[in-house]
C-alpha cells in the first residue's frame, strides 16, 4: 500500500492511494457467514455471495477530499458476468443505508442513490459487456467539477451531474450468486 498526501499551495491538494490488498492496512470491512464472505485473501479483496438475493459489500474511509476532483480505478476478476448478479463500486458511503452505487451486469450499468435504505434516484444505461466466465473488468469513477463518470473497460457507462458528495467512504459490492475479486485500487486527486 502506498499512501501520500501533499499540500500544494493554499487551494490545490494532491492525494494518492494505491491498495494492492496484500494486507488490510486501510481497514476494509470483512465478514464471513453462511450466506457469503468479504475477505482480503491472496492479495485481493474477494467478495463472495452464495445466495441469489444476497448483497455483500466492503468499504473503508479514505483521506481524499470529495469536494475536489478525483479518480477511483480498480481491476476486477468476475466468476461470471450475467443478468442474475451484479457488482460495482460504492461512493459517498456513510453507512449501510446511505451511499451511491455504480453497478454493472451483463449489458447494463446503473447508478443508484440510496438514502435511509431507500432508492431515491437511479440512472441506467446499456453497455457492451457480454456474458462471460472468469472475466476481467476495469472500473473507473471520475468526479470532475460535480460530474460523476463511470467507465467499464474504457467505455463511458454512466454520466451524472450535480450529485453532492459528502463522505470519503469508498467500497465494493456484489449482489446475487457471484464471486468477485477486486485488486489494485488507485485513488488519485
Protein backbone atom coordinates (compact mmCIF):
# COMPACT_ATOMS: atom_id res chain seq x y z
CA UNK A 1 0.00 0.00 0.00
CA UNK A 2 1.24 3.45 -0.94
CA UNK A 3 -0.28 6.49 0.68
CA UNK A 4 0.81 10.07 0.09
CA UNK A 5 -0.77 13.40 0.78
CA UNK A 6 0.93 16.59 -0.33
CA UNK A 7 -0.31 20.14 0.06
CA UNK A 8 0.34 22.30 -2.98
CA UNK A 9 -0.45 25.88 -2.07
CA UNK A 10 -3.49 27.31 -0.37
CA UNK A 11 -6.10 25.92 -2.78
CA UNK A 12 -4.71 22.83 -4.51
CA UNK A 13 -4.25 19.46 -2.87
CA UNK A 14 -2.83 16.18 -4.09
CA UNK A 15 -3.76 12.81 -2.70
CA UNK A 16 -2.87 9.35 -3.96
CA UNK A 17 -3.57 5.91 -2.59
CA UNK A 18 -2.79 2.52 -4.06
CA UNK A 19 -4.10 -0.59 -2.32
CA UNK A 20 -2.89 -3.98 -3.60
CA UNK A 21 -4.71 -5.82 -0.78
CA UNK A 22 -1.60 -7.60 0.46
CA UNK A 23 -2.80 -6.61 3.95
CA UNK A 24 -5.81 -4.84 5.37
CA UNK A 25 -3.92 -1.67 6.27
CA UNK A 26 -6.87 0.55 5.23
CA UNK A 27 -9.40 -1.15 7.48
CA UNK A 28 -11.74 -2.68 4.89
CA UNK A 29 -14.78 -4.36 6.46
CA UNK A 30 -14.55 -8.15 6.42
CA UNK A 31 -17.32 -10.65 7.16
CA UNK A 32 -17.85 -14.40 6.86
CA UNK A 33 -21.23 -16.05 7.39
CA UNK A 34 -23.43 -18.79 5.89
CA UNK A 35 -24.61 -16.58 3.00
CA UNK A 36 -21.19 -15.38 1.86
CA UNK A 37 -17.98 -13.60 2.72
CA UNK A 38 -15.96 -10.47 2.25
CA UNK A 39 -12.26 -11.11 2.93
CA UNK A 40 -8.81 -9.98 1.97
CA UNK A 41 -7.04 -13.13 0.82
CA UNK A 42 -4.30 -13.98 -1.70
CA UNK A 43 -3.62 -10.29 -2.44
CA UNK A 44 -7.22 -9.38 -3.44
CA UNK A 45 -10.41 -8.20 -1.79
CA UNK A 46 -12.74 -11.12 -2.50
CA UNK A 47 -16.48 -10.79 -2.14
CA UNK A 48 -18.45 -14.00 -2.45
CA UNK A 49 -22.23 -14.18 -2.23
CA UNK A 50 -23.70 -17.69 -2.08
CA UNK A 51 -27.38 -16.75 -2.43
CA UNK A 52 -29.33 -15.23 -5.33
CA UNK A 53 -30.79 -12.50 -3.11
CA UNK A 54 -27.70 -11.63 -1.02
CA UNK A 55 -25.86 -8.28 -1.09
CA UNK A 56 -22.29 -8.16 0.23
CA UNK A 57 -20.03 -5.13 0.42
CA UNK A 58 -16.77 -3.93 1.88
CA UNK A 59 -15.81 -0.33 2.50
CA UNK A 60 -13.27 1.97 4.11
CA UNK A 61 -12.98 5.71 4.66
CA UNK A 62 -10.24 7.33 2.57
CA UNK A 63 -8.44 10.61 3.23
CA UNK A 64 -9.45 12.16 -0.11
CA UNK A 65 -11.40 15.40 -0.19
CA UNK A 66 -14.65 14.66 -2.06
CA UNK A 67 -15.12 18.39 -2.70
CA UNK A 68 -12.22 18.24 -5.20
CA UNK A 69 -11.86 16.29 -8.45
CA UNK A 70 -10.74 12.67 -8.07
CA UNK A 71 -10.43 9.35 -9.86
CA UNK A 72 -11.01 5.86 -8.46
CA UNK A 73 -9.99 2.83 -10.50
CA UNK A 74 -9.55 -0.88 -9.91
CA UNK A 75 -9.10 -4.23 -11.60
CA UNK A 76 -11.84 -6.81 -11.17
CA UNK A 77 -11.98 -10.57 -11.78
CA UNK A 78 -15.55 -11.88 -12.03
CA UNK A 79 -16.59 -15.53 -11.81
CA UNK A 80 -19.42 -14.95 -14.29
CA UNK A 81 -20.85 -11.84 -15.94
CA UNK A 82 -24.59 -12.44 -16.25
CA UNK A 83 -28.04 -10.90 -15.76
CA UNK A 84 -28.65 -12.68 -12.44
CA UNK A 85 -25.94 -10.89 -10.46
CA UNK A 86 -24.12 -7.58 -10.45
CA UNK A 87 -21.09 -5.93 -8.89
CA UNK A 88 -19.57 -2.49 -8.64
CA UNK A 89 -18.12 0.46 -6.77
CA UNK A 90 -19.66 2.34 -3.85
CA UNK A 91 -19.03 6.07 -3.34
CA UNK A 92 -20.20 8.52 -0.70
CA UNK A 93 -20.56 5.64 1.78
CA UNK A 94 -21.86 6.93 5.10
CA UNK A 95 -23.49 3.77 6.45
CA UNK A 96 -25.43 0.72 5.22
CA UNK A 97 -28.40 2.84 4.14
CA UNK A 98 -26.71 5.93 2.68
CA UNK A 99 -24.41 5.66 -0.34
CA UNK A 100 -24.10 5.88 -4.13
CA UNK A 101 -23.67 2.65 -6.07
CA UNK A 102 -22.25 2.16 -9.57
CA UNK A 103 -23.16 -1.37 -10.65
CA UNK A 104 -22.76 -3.50 -13.74
CA UNK A 105 -24.25 -6.70 -15.01
CA UNK A 106 -24.42 -8.24 -18.47
CA UNK A 107 -25.15 -5.34 -20.85
CA UNK A 108 -26.26 -2.88 -18.17
CA UNK A 109 -24.72 -0.17 -15.98
CA UNK A 110 -26.56 1.67 -13.23
CA UNK A 111 -26.01 4.49 -10.78
CA UNK A 112 -28.26 4.11 -7.74
CA UNK A 113 -28.50 6.58 -4.87
CA UNK A 114 -29.63 5.19 -1.52
CA UNK A 115 -30.86 7.41 1.28
CA UNK A 116 -32.16 5.95 4.55
CA UNK A 117 -32.19 2.47 2.99
CA UNK A 118 -34.40 3.56 0.07
CA UNK A 119 -33.57 4.19 -3.57
CA UNK A 120 -34.10 7.91 -4.18
CA UNK A 121 -32.56 8.14 -7.65
CA UNK A 122 -31.36 5.90 -10.45
CA UNK A 123 -29.75 6.18 -13.88
CA UNK A 124 -29.22 3.17 -16.15
CA UNK A 125 -27.55 2.67 -19.49
CA UNK A 126 -26.87 -0.23 -21.84
CA UNK A 127 -23.21 -1.13 -22.26
CA UNK A 128 -21.30 -3.56 -24.47
CA UNK A 129 -20.47 -6.09 -21.77
CA UNK A 130 -21.43 -9.62 -22.72
CA UNK A 131 -21.94 -12.71 -20.63
CA UNK A 132 -18.61 -14.34 -19.82
CA UNK A 133 -17.00 -16.71 -17.35
CA UNK A 134 -13.81 -15.74 -15.48
CA UNK A 135 -13.86 -12.24 -16.92
CA UNK A 136 -11.51 -9.32 -16.25
CA UNK A 137 -13.08 -5.87 -15.96
CA UNK A 138 -11.53 -2.44 -15.37
CA UNK A 139 -13.70 0.01 -13.43
CA UNK A 140 -13.11 3.76 -13.21
CA UNK A 141 -15.12 6.51 -11.48
CA UNK A 142 -14.18 10.15 -12.00
CA UNK A 143 -15.52 13.21 -10.25
CA UNK A 144 -14.78 16.27 -12.39
CA UNK A 145 -16.37 19.60 -11.46
CA UNK A 146 -19.51 17.96 -9.99
CA UNK A 147 -19.82 15.47 -12.85
CA UNK A 148 -19.52 11.77 -11.99
CA UNK A 149 -18.42 9.48 -14.81
CA UNK A 150 -18.43 5.69 -14.54
CA UNK A 151 -16.35 3.71 -17.06
CA UNK A 152 -16.29 -0.03 -17.68
CA UNK A 153 -13.34 -1.38 -19.72
CA UNK A 154 -12.66 2.10 -21.09
CA UNK A 155 -16.30 2.67 -22.16
CA UNK A 156 -18.30 5.53 -20.66
CA UNK A 157 -21.21 3.76 -18.96
CA UNK A 158 -22.87 6.48 -16.84
CA UNK A 159 -22.53 10.24 -16.54
CA UNK A 160 -24.36 12.19 -13.86
CA UNK A 161 -24.18 15.84 -12.86
CA UNK A 162 -24.74 17.63 -9.58
CA UNK A 163 -24.75 14.69 -7.20
CA UNK A 164 -23.35 16.14 -3.99
CA UNK A 165 -20.70 14.05 -2.26
CA UNK A 166 -20.22 14.41 1.48
CA UNK A 167 -18.37 11.25 2.57
CA UNK A 168 -14.98 9.81 1.64
CA UNK A 169 -16.32 6.28 2.18
CA UNK A 170 -15.48 4.03 -0.78
CA UNK A 171 -16.37 0.40 -1.26
CA UNK A 172 -17.08 -2.57 -3.48
CA UNK A 173 -20.18 -4.73 -3.62
CA UNK A 174 -21.62 -7.92 -5.09
CA UNK A 175 -25.25 -8.96 -5.46
CA UNK A 176 -26.52 -12.46 -6.28
CA UNK A 177 -24.75 -15.80 -6.51
CA UNK A 178 -21.37 -14.41 -7.52
CA UNK A 179 -17.67 -14.26 -6.64
CA UNK A 180 -15.68 -11.13 -7.48
CA UNK A 181 -12.05 -10.25 -6.69
CA UNK A 182 -11.07 -6.57 -6.56
CA UNK A 183 -7.42 -5.60 -6.89
CA UNK A 184 -5.06 -2.68 -7.50
CA UNK A 185 -7.34 0.07 -6.23
CA UNK A 186 -5.99 3.50 -7.09
CA UNK A 187 -7.39 6.79 -5.87
CA UNK A 188 -5.86 10.00 -7.20
CA UNK A 189 -6.75 13.60 -6.59
